[in-house]
Amino acid sequence: QVQLVESGGGLVQPGGSLRLSCAASGSFFSGNACGWYRQAPGKQREMVASISGGGSIDYADSVKGRFTIFRDNAKNTMYLQMNSLKPEDTAVYYCYADYPPGIPFGSWGQGTQVTVSS
């Protein structure tokens, strides 16, 4: 199992930006599906953005045009750039990777809190 460590969360005003990072303990993002989920209080965990093993990118409708997922394989790090943040984006954000190979969502980070409030 790969260790994933998120960072970059915090408190931001509506309309602001944050960049989340997900650092892996090895070169596990390359060739493996990975992405971000979030969970708001009292709600189910939902997919935010994902990258397939082949590099295809998908976003939740609620974040399209505002969030960008990308990864730096050389740094073993995945990112989520979040712009034009809204109060409804407030949640704990988790990164994941389909690792070990063949195990969907086999590895998860511990989560990082994002709070959008004035």
Protein backbone atom coordinates (compact mmCIF):
# COMPACT_ATOMS: atom_id res chain seq x y z
CA GLN A 1 0.00 0.00 0.00
CA VAL A 2 1.25 3.46 -0.86
CA GLN A 3 1.23 6.26 1.67
CA LEU A 4 -0.58 9.40 0.51
CA VAL A 5 -0.28 12.69 2.38
CA GLU A 6 -2.50 15.66 1.56
CA SER A 7 -1.70 19.28 2.30
CA GLY A 8 -2.85 22.73 1.28
CA GLY A 9 -6.25 22.93 2.91
CA GLY A 10 -7.39 25.87 4.98
CA LEU A 11 -9.83 28.71 5.35
CA VAL A 12 -10.51 30.88 2.29
CA GLN A 13 -13.09 33.50 1.41
CA PRO A 14 -15.66 32.88 -1.32
CA GLY A 15 -14.11 33.52 -4.71
CA GLY A 16 -10.66 32.63 -3.46
CA SER A 17 -8.28 29.87 -4.48
CA LEU A 18 -6.43 26.98 -2.89
CA ARG A 19 -4.11 24.33 -4.23
CA LEU A 20 -4.22 20.91 -2.61
CA SER A 21 -1.28 18.55 -2.89
CA CYS A 22 -1.16 14.79 -2.48
CA ALA A 23 2.34 13.40 -2.05
CA ALA A 24 2.92 9.70 -2.57
CA SER A 25 5.63 7.64 -0.92
CA GLY A 26 6.62 6.22 -4.30
CA SER A 27 6.01 6.50 -8.04
CA PHE A 28 2.46 5.22 -7.77
CA PHE A 29 0.51 7.84 -9.67
CA SER A 30 2.11 7.15 -13.03
CA GLY A 31 -0.04 4.66 -14.94
CA ASN A 32 -2.54 4.27 -12.13
CA ALA A 33 -5.88 5.97 -11.74
CA CYS A 34 -5.97 8.59 -9.01
CA GLY A 35 -8.05 11.52 -7.95
CA TRP A 36 -9.85 13.47 -5.28
CA TYR A 37 -13.03 12.93 -3.31
CA ARG A 38 -14.62 15.19 -0.73
CA GLN A 39 -17.04 14.77 2.14
CA ALA A 40 -19.06 17.56 3.66
CA PRO A 41 -20.68 17.22 7.11
CA GLY A 42 -23.78 15.06 6.93
CA LYS A 43 -23.21 14.16 3.28
CA GLN A 44 -21.82 11.20 1.41
CA ARG A 45 -18.32 11.24 0.01
CA GLU A 46 -18.40 12.43 -3.60
CA MET A 47 -15.95 12.34 -6.48
CA VAL A 48 -14.42 15.71 -7.30
CA ALA A 49 -11.86 14.95 -10.01
CA SER A 50 -10.01 11.94 -11.35
CA ILE A 51 -7.27 10.93 -13.75
CA SER A 52 -7.46 7.49 -15.35
CA GLY A 53 -4.44 5.26 -15.84
CA GLY A 54 -4.37 6.47 -19.45
CA GLY A 55 -4.50 10.11 -18.45
CA SER A 56 -8.18 10.88 -19.10
CA ILE A 57 -9.57 13.49 -16.74
CA ASP A 58 -13.05 13.72 -15.30
CA TYR A 59 -14.68 16.29 -13.04
CA ALA A 60 -17.86 16.50 -11.03
CA ASP A 61 -20.31 18.84 -12.72
CA SER A 62 -20.25 21.09 -9.66
CA VAL A 63 -16.53 21.89 -10.08
CA LYS A 64 -16.10 21.94 -13.86
CA GLY A 65 -14.43 25.13 -15.01
CA ARG A 66 -13.25 25.96 -11.49
CA PHE A 67 -11.05 23.04 -10.42
CA THR A 68 -8.08 21.51 -12.22
CA ILE A 69 -6.46 18.18 -11.42
CA PHE A 70 -2.93 17.44 -12.51
CA ARG A 71 0.04 15.37 -11.41
CA ASP A 72 3.79 15.66 -11.48
CA ASN A 73 5.10 12.13 -11.85
CA ALA A 74 8.69 13.26 -11.25
CA LYS A 75 7.65 14.56 -7.82
CA ASN A 76 5.21 11.71 -7.12
CA THR A 77 2.63 14.39 -6.36
CA MET A 78 -0.92 15.04 -7.50
CA TYR A 79 -2.58 18.43 -7.22
CA LEU A 80 -6.04 19.95 -7.18
CA GLN A 81 -6.12 23.62 -8.10
CA MET A 82 -9.36 25.12 -6.84
CA ASN A 83 -10.46 28.55 -8.06
CA SER A 84 -13.63 30.58 -7.57
CA LEU A 85 -14.36 28.68 -4.38
CA LYS A 86 -17.88 28.63 -3.02
CA PRO A 87 -19.20 27.93 0.49
CA GLU A 88 -20.62 24.64 -0.82
CA ASP A 89 -17.07 23.50 -1.58
CA THR A 90 -16.47 23.27 2.16
CA ALA A 91 -15.52 19.67 2.95
CA VAL A 92 -12.71 17.33 3.88
CA TYR A 93 -10.82 16.50 0.69
CA TYR A 94 -9.23 13.10 0.24
CA CYS A 95 -6.85 11.90 -2.45
CA TYR A 96 -6.72 8.30 -3.59
CA ALA A 97 -4.84 6.04 -5.95
CA ASP A 98 -5.73 2.71 -7.54
CA TYR A 99 -2.80 1.02 -5.88
CA PRO A 100 -1.82 -1.79 -5.43
CA PRO A 101 -2.48 -2.35 -9.16
CA GLY A 102 -5.87 -3.93 -9.74
CA ILE A 103 -7.24 -2.61 -6.46
CA PRO A 104 -9.59 0.32 -7.19
CA PHE A 105 -9.27 3.01 -4.51
CA GLY A 106 -6.69 0.85 -2.77
CA SER A 107 -4.85 3.78 -1.16
CA TRP A 108 -6.22 6.91 0.52
CA GLY A 109 -4.83 9.97 2.19
CA GLN A 110 -5.88 11.15 5.63
CA GLY A 111 -7.85 14.14 4.32
CA THR A 112 -7.41 17.89 4.47
CA GLN A 113 -10.08 20.38 5.54
CA VAL A 114 -11.17 23.10 3.14
CA THR A 115 -13.46 25.78 4.55
CA VAL A 116 -14.91 28.49 2.32
CA SER A 117 -16.43 31.25 4.42
CA SER A 118 -16.46 35.00 4.77
